[in-house]
Amino acid sequence: MARPHCPRRIATLPGVVYFKPAGIPLRDLEERVLSLDEFEALRLADVEGMPQLEASRLMGISRQTFSRILARARQTVATCLTKGMAVRIEGGVVHLDSGPKSRLGCRKNPAS
């Protein structure tokens, strides 16, 4: 049985949750889902230019996990752009971070 995911911290929900190529009806398009944690990883790394270690701390996850999420997000976006697919942003185990708090993720012991 797989271990359950820790909720990833995200700073904000996206203002737009659907992107598609212009001029093609949605019913004629394949779509891929970009999860909210993948969206946040793209935002932190590629828009904010934040180092992975700092971004992973903000999301409450390890740097390795952040790297995997970011790679998955980039793969999804690149696939959609190159193949003319729609992107829907939704889902994932996330916690909307509403202020400056401890960023310890799922760790039970703050010293770990």
N, C-alpha and C. Protein backbone atom coordinates (compact mmCIF):
# COMPACT_ATOMS: atom_id res chain seq x y z
N MET A 1 0.84 -1.17 0.00
CA MET A 1 0.00 0.00 0.00
C MET A 1 0.88 1.24 0.00
N ALA A 2 0.57 2.17 -0.87
CA ALA A 2 1.37 3.39 -0.99
C ALA A 2 1.15 4.31 0.20
N ARG A 3 2.19 5.03 0.53
CA ARG A 3 2.11 5.99 1.62
C ARG A 3 1.25 7.18 1.17
N PRO A 4 0.37 7.70 2.04
CA PRO A 4 -0.44 8.85 1.65
C PRO A 4 0.41 10.11 1.46
N HIS A 5 -0.01 10.98 0.57
CA HIS A 5 0.71 12.22 0.30
C HIS A 5 0.52 13.22 1.42
N CYS A 6 1.58 13.95 1.75
CA CYS A 6 1.47 15.09 2.64
C CYS A 6 0.76 16.20 1.88
N PRO A 7 -0.07 16.97 2.53
CA PRO A 7 -0.62 18.13 1.83
C PRO A 7 0.50 19.11 1.49
N ARG A 8 0.56 19.54 0.25
CA ARG A 8 1.56 20.51 -0.17
C ARG A 8 0.98 21.90 0.07
N ARG A 9 1.81 22.81 0.54
CA ARG A 9 1.35 24.18 0.78
C ARG A 9 1.41 24.96 -0.52
N ILE A 10 0.33 25.67 -0.81
CA ILE A 10 0.32 26.57 -1.96
C ILE A 10 -0.07 27.95 -1.47
N ALA A 11 0.46 28.98 -2.12
CA ALA A 11 0.23 30.35 -1.67
C ALA A 11 -1.12 30.89 -2.14
N THR A 12 -1.53 30.49 -3.33
CA THR A 12 -2.76 31.04 -3.90
C THR A 12 -3.36 30.07 -4.91
N LEU A 13 -4.63 30.19 -5.13
CA LEU A 13 -5.27 29.42 -6.18
C LEU A 13 -5.10 30.16 -7.51
N PRO A 14 -5.00 29.43 -8.61
CA PRO A 14 -4.83 30.10 -9.90
C PRO A 14 -6.08 30.90 -10.27
N GLY A 15 -5.87 32.04 -10.92
CA GLY A 15 -6.98 32.86 -11.37
C GLY A 15 -7.70 32.27 -12.56
N VAL A 16 -6.98 31.52 -13.37
CA VAL A 16 -7.54 30.85 -14.55
C VAL A 16 -7.20 29.38 -14.42
N VAL A 17 -8.17 28.52 -14.66
CA VAL A 17 -7.94 27.09 -14.45
C VAL A 17 -8.03 26.27 -15.73
N TYR A 18 -8.14 26.92 -16.87
CA TYR A 18 -8.24 26.19 -18.13
C TYR A 18 -7.52 26.96 -19.22
N PHE A 19 -6.71 26.27 -19.99
CA PHE A 19 -6.04 26.84 -21.15
C PHE A 19 -6.24 25.90 -22.32
N LYS A 20 -6.49 26.46 -23.49
CA LYS A 20 -6.65 25.64 -24.68
C LYS A 20 -6.16 26.42 -25.89
N PRO A 21 -5.81 25.71 -26.95
CA PRO A 21 -5.42 26.39 -28.18
C PRO A 21 -6.60 27.19 -28.74
N ALA A 22 -6.32 28.37 -29.27
CA ALA A 22 -7.37 29.21 -29.84
C ALA A 22 -7.90 28.60 -31.13
N GLY A 23 -9.18 28.79 -31.35
CA GLY A 23 -9.79 28.39 -32.61
C GLY A 23 -10.19 26.94 -32.73
N ILE A 24 -9.98 26.15 -31.69
CA ILE A 24 -10.37 24.75 -31.73
C ILE A 24 -11.38 24.51 -30.63
N PRO A 25 -12.56 23.98 -30.96
CA PRO A 25 -13.55 23.73 -29.92
C PRO A 25 -13.02 22.75 -28.88
N LEU A 26 -13.36 22.99 -27.64
CA LEU A 26 -12.90 22.14 -26.54
C LEU A 26 -13.27 20.68 -26.75
N ARG A 27 -14.43 20.44 -27.31
CA ARG A 27 -14.87 19.05 -27.51
C ARG A 27 -13.95 18.28 -28.47
N ASP A 28 -13.17 19.01 -29.28
CA ASP A 28 -12.27 18.37 -30.24
C ASP A 28 -10.84 18.21 -29.70
N LEU A 29 -10.62 18.62 -28.47
CA LEU A 29 -9.27 18.61 -27.90
C LEU A 29 -9.09 17.53 -26.85
N GLU A 30 -7.90 16.95 -26.82
CA GLU A 30 -7.49 16.15 -25.68
C GLU A 30 -7.07 17.13 -24.59
N GLU A 31 -7.17 16.70 -23.34
CA GLU A 31 -6.73 17.57 -22.26
C GLU A 31 -5.90 16.80 -21.25
N ARG A 32 -5.08 17.53 -20.55
CA ARG A 32 -4.28 16.99 -19.46
C ARG A 32 -4.56 17.83 -18.23
N VAL A 33 -4.42 17.21 -17.06
CA VAL A 33 -4.64 17.90 -15.79
C VAL A 33 -3.28 18.26 -15.19
N LEU A 34 -3.17 19.51 -14.78
CA LEU A 34 -2.02 20.00 -14.03
C LEU A 34 -2.52 20.20 -12.60
N SER A 35 -1.99 19.44 -11.65
CA SER A 35 -2.48 19.55 -10.28
C SER A 35 -2.06 20.88 -9.67
N LEU A 36 -2.72 21.25 -8.59
CA LEU A 36 -2.43 22.52 -7.93
C LEU A 36 -1.00 22.57 -7.39
N ASP A 37 -0.48 21.44 -6.90
CA ASP A 37 0.91 21.46 -6.43
C ASP A 37 1.89 21.59 -7.59
N GLU A 38 1.56 21.01 -8.74
CA GLU A 38 2.40 21.19 -9.92
C GLU A 38 2.37 22.64 -10.39
N PHE A 39 1.20 23.25 -10.37
CA PHE A 39 1.06 24.65 -10.72
C PHE A 39 1.91 25.52 -9.80
N GLU A 40 1.85 25.25 -8.51
CA GLU A 40 2.63 26.03 -7.53
C GLU A 40 4.12 25.84 -7.75
N ALA A 41 4.56 24.62 -8.04
CA ALA A 41 5.98 24.37 -8.30
C ALA A 41 6.45 25.16 -9.52
N LEU A 42 5.66 25.17 -10.59
CA LEU A 42 6.01 25.97 -11.77
C LEU A 42 6.09 27.45 -11.43
N ARG A 43 5.14 27.93 -10.66
CA ARG A 43 5.11 29.34 -10.28
C ARG A 43 6.36 29.72 -9.48
N LEU A 44 6.67 28.92 -8.48
CA LEU A 44 7.82 29.24 -7.63
C LEU A 44 9.14 29.15 -8.38
N ALA A 45 9.34 28.08 -9.15
CA ALA A 45 10.62 27.86 -9.83
C ALA A 45 10.78 28.72 -11.07
N ASP A 46 9.76 28.77 -11.92
CA ASP A 46 9.93 29.40 -13.23
C ASP A 46 9.45 30.84 -13.29
N VAL A 47 8.45 31.21 -12.51
CA VAL A 47 7.98 32.59 -12.52
C VAL A 47 8.75 33.42 -11.49
N GLU A 48 8.83 32.89 -10.26
CA GLU A 48 9.52 33.62 -9.19
C GLU A 48 11.04 33.43 -9.24
N GLY A 49 11.51 32.42 -9.97
CA GLY A 49 12.95 32.16 -10.06
C GLY A 49 13.57 31.69 -8.76
N MET A 50 12.78 31.04 -7.94
CA MET A 50 13.22 30.62 -6.62
C MET A 50 14.05 29.33 -6.70
N PRO A 51 15.13 29.23 -5.94
CA PRO A 51 15.88 27.97 -5.89
C PRO A 51 14.99 26.84 -5.35
N GLN A 52 15.26 25.63 -5.81
CA GLN A 52 14.42 24.49 -5.42
C GLN A 52 14.37 24.26 -3.92
N LEU A 53 15.46 24.45 -3.23
CA LEU A 53 15.47 24.22 -1.79
C LEU A 53 14.53 25.19 -1.08
N GLU A 54 14.60 26.46 -1.45
CA GLU A 54 13.73 27.46 -0.84
C GLU A 54 12.26 27.20 -1.20
N ALA A 55 11.99 26.88 -2.47
CA ALA A 55 10.63 26.60 -2.91
C ALA A 55 10.06 25.36 -2.21
N SER A 56 10.89 24.35 -2.03
CA SER A 56 10.42 23.14 -1.35
C SER A 56 10.05 23.43 0.10
N ARG A 57 10.81 24.29 0.75
CA ARG A 57 10.48 24.67 2.13
C ARG A 57 9.15 25.41 2.20
N LEU A 58 8.91 26.30 1.23
CA LEU A 58 7.64 27.01 1.20
C LEU A 58 6.46 26.07 1.01
N MET A 59 6.67 25.01 0.23
CA MET A 59 5.59 24.05 -0.02
C MET A 59 5.49 22.97 1.06
N GLY A 60 6.46 22.94 1.98
CA GLY A 60 6.43 21.97 3.07
C GLY A 60 6.79 20.56 2.65
N ILE A 61 7.67 20.44 1.64
CA ILE A 61 8.07 19.13 1.12
C ILE A 61 9.59 19.09 0.97
N SER A 62 10.13 17.92 0.71
CA SER A 62 11.57 17.81 0.51
C SER A 62 11.96 18.37 -0.85
N ARG A 63 13.24 18.68 -1.01
CA ARG A 63 13.72 19.19 -2.28
C ARG A 63 13.57 18.15 -3.38
N GLN A 64 13.78 16.89 -3.04
CA GLN A 64 13.63 15.82 -4.03
C GLN A 64 12.19 15.71 -4.51
N THR A 65 11.25 15.80 -3.58
CA THR A 65 9.84 15.75 -3.95
C THR A 65 9.48 16.95 -4.81
N PHE A 66 9.98 18.13 -4.44
CA PHE A 66 9.74 19.33 -5.24
C PHE A 66 10.26 19.13 -6.66
N SER A 67 11.44 18.56 -6.78
CA SER A 67 12.04 18.32 -8.09
C SER A 67 11.17 17.39 -8.94
N ARG A 68 10.64 16.34 -8.33
CA ARG A 68 9.77 15.41 -9.06
C ARG A 68 8.48 16.08 -9.50
N ILE A 69 7.88 16.88 -8.60
CA ILE A 69 6.64 17.59 -8.93
C ILE A 69 6.89 18.57 -10.08
N LEU A 70 8.00 19.31 -10.01
CA LEU A 70 8.34 20.28 -11.04
C LEU A 70 8.57 19.59 -12.39
N ALA A 71 9.28 18.48 -12.38
CA ALA A 71 9.52 17.74 -13.63
C ALA A 71 8.20 17.26 -14.25
N ARG A 72 7.31 16.77 -13.42
CA ARG A 72 6.00 16.30 -13.90
C ARG A 72 5.19 17.46 -14.48
N ALA A 73 5.24 18.61 -13.82
CA ALA A 73 4.52 19.80 -14.30
C ALA A 73 5.08 20.27 -15.64
N ARG A 74 6.38 20.34 -15.75
CA ARG A 74 7.00 20.77 -17.00
C ARG A 74 6.69 19.80 -18.13
N GLN A 75 6.67 18.52 -17.83
CA GLN A 75 6.34 17.51 -18.84
C GLN A 75 4.90 17.70 -19.33
N THR A 76 3.98 17.93 -18.42
CA THR A 76 2.58 18.13 -18.78
C THR A 76 2.41 19.37 -19.66
N VAL A 77 3.00 20.48 -19.24
CA VAL A 77 2.87 21.72 -20.00
C VAL A 77 3.53 21.59 -21.37
N ALA A 78 4.72 21.02 -21.43
CA ALA A 78 5.41 20.85 -22.72
C ALA A 78 4.62 19.95 -23.66
N THR A 79 4.05 18.88 -23.13
CA THR A 79 3.24 17.99 -23.96
C THR A 79 2.04 18.72 -24.54
N CYS A 80 1.36 19.48 -23.70
CA CYS A 80 0.18 20.21 -24.16
C CYS A 80 0.53 21.27 -25.19
N LEU A 81 1.62 21.98 -24.99
CA LEU A 81 2.02 23.01 -25.95
C LEU A 81 2.43 22.41 -27.29
N THR A 82 3.17 21.33 -27.26
CA THR A 82 3.68 20.76 -28.51
C THR A 82 2.64 19.94 -29.26
N LYS A 83 1.65 19.42 -28.56
CA LYS A 83 0.64 18.58 -29.21
C LYS A 83 -0.71 19.28 -29.33
N GLY A 84 -0.78 20.55 -28.96
CA GLY A 84 -2.02 21.30 -29.09
C GLY A 84 -3.14 20.77 -28.21
N MET A 85 -2.83 20.46 -26.97
CA MET A 85 -3.81 19.93 -26.03
C MET A 85 -4.23 21.01 -25.04
N ALA A 86 -5.37 20.80 -24.40
CA ALA A 86 -5.86 21.71 -23.36
C ALA A 86 -5.25 21.33 -22.02
N VAL A 87 -5.12 22.31 -21.14
CA VAL A 87 -4.61 22.10 -19.78
C VAL A 87 -5.69 22.55 -18.79
N ARG A 88 -6.06 21.64 -17.88
CA ARG A 88 -7.00 21.97 -16.81
C ARG A 88 -6.23 21.91 -15.50
N ILE A 89 -6.31 22.97 -14.67
CA ILE A 89 -5.60 23.02 -13.40
C ILE A 89 -6.58 22.69 -12.28
N GLU A 90 -6.34 21.57 -11.62
CA GLU A 90 -7.23 21.17 -10.52
C GLU A 90 -6.62 20.01 -9.75
N GLY A 91 -7.11 19.81 -8.56
CA GLY A 91 -6.80 18.62 -7.78
C GLY A 91 -5.46 18.64 -7.08
N GLY A 92 -5.19 17.54 -6.44
CA GLY A 92 -3.97 17.40 -5.66
C GLY A 92 -4.26 17.59 -4.19
N VAL A 93 -3.38 17.07 -3.37
CA VAL A 93 -3.52 17.20 -1.91
C VAL A 93 -2.77 18.46 -1.51
N VAL A 94 -3.52 19.55 -1.32
CA VAL A 94 -2.89 20.83 -1.03
C VAL A 94 -3.54 21.51 0.17
N HIS A 95 -2.79 22.44 0.73
CA HIS A 95 -3.27 23.28 1.83
C HIS A 95 -2.99 24.72 1.42
N LEU A 96 -4.02 25.55 1.39
CA LEU A 96 -3.84 26.95 1.03
C LEU A 96 -3.18 27.66 2.21
N ASP A 97 -1.97 28.14 2.00
CA ASP A 97 -1.19 28.79 3.04
C ASP A 97 -1.63 30.24 3.15
N SER A 98 -2.21 30.59 4.27
CA SER A 98 -2.77 31.93 4.41
C SER A 98 -1.93 32.88 5.25
N GLY A 99 -0.71 32.55 5.53
CA GLY A 99 0.11 33.47 6.30
C GLY A 99 1.43 32.86 6.69
N PRO A 100 2.29 33.64 7.34
CA PRO A 100 3.60 33.12 7.74
C PRO A 100 3.47 32.18 8.93
N LYS A 101 3.62 30.88 8.67
CA LYS A 101 3.56 29.87 9.72
C LYS A 101 4.76 28.94 9.57
N SER A 102 4.83 28.01 10.46
CA SER A 102 5.85 26.98 10.37
C SER A 102 5.65 26.21 9.07
N ARG A 103 6.72 25.92 8.40
CA ARG A 103 6.64 25.20 7.13
C ARG A 103 7.32 23.84 7.29
N LEU A 104 6.72 23.01 8.10
CA LEU A 104 7.34 21.73 8.40
C LEU A 104 6.73 20.56 7.65
N GLY A 105 5.76 20.79 6.80
CA GLY A 105 5.17 19.70 6.05
C GLY A 105 4.53 18.69 6.96
N CYS A 106 4.79 17.41 6.69
CA CYS A 106 4.16 16.33 7.47
C CYS A 106 5.02 15.88 8.64
N ARG A 107 6.18 16.45 8.82
CA ARG A 107 7.03 15.99 9.91
C ARG A 107 6.36 16.20 11.26
N LYS A 108 6.44 15.18 12.10
CA LYS A 108 5.85 15.30 13.43
C LYS A 108 6.80 15.92 14.42
N ASN A 109 8.08 15.78 14.18
CA ASN A 109 9.09 16.32 15.08
C ASN A 109 9.79 17.49 14.39
N PRO A 110 9.63 18.74 14.89
CA PRO A 110 10.24 19.88 14.25
C PRO A 110 11.75 19.79 14.11
N ALA A 111 12.39 18.97 14.92
CA ALA A 111 13.84 18.84 14.85
C ALA A 111 14.28 17.94 13.70
N SER A 112 13.37 17.18 13.11
CA SER A 112 13.77 16.25 12.05
C SER A 112 13.88 16.92 10.71
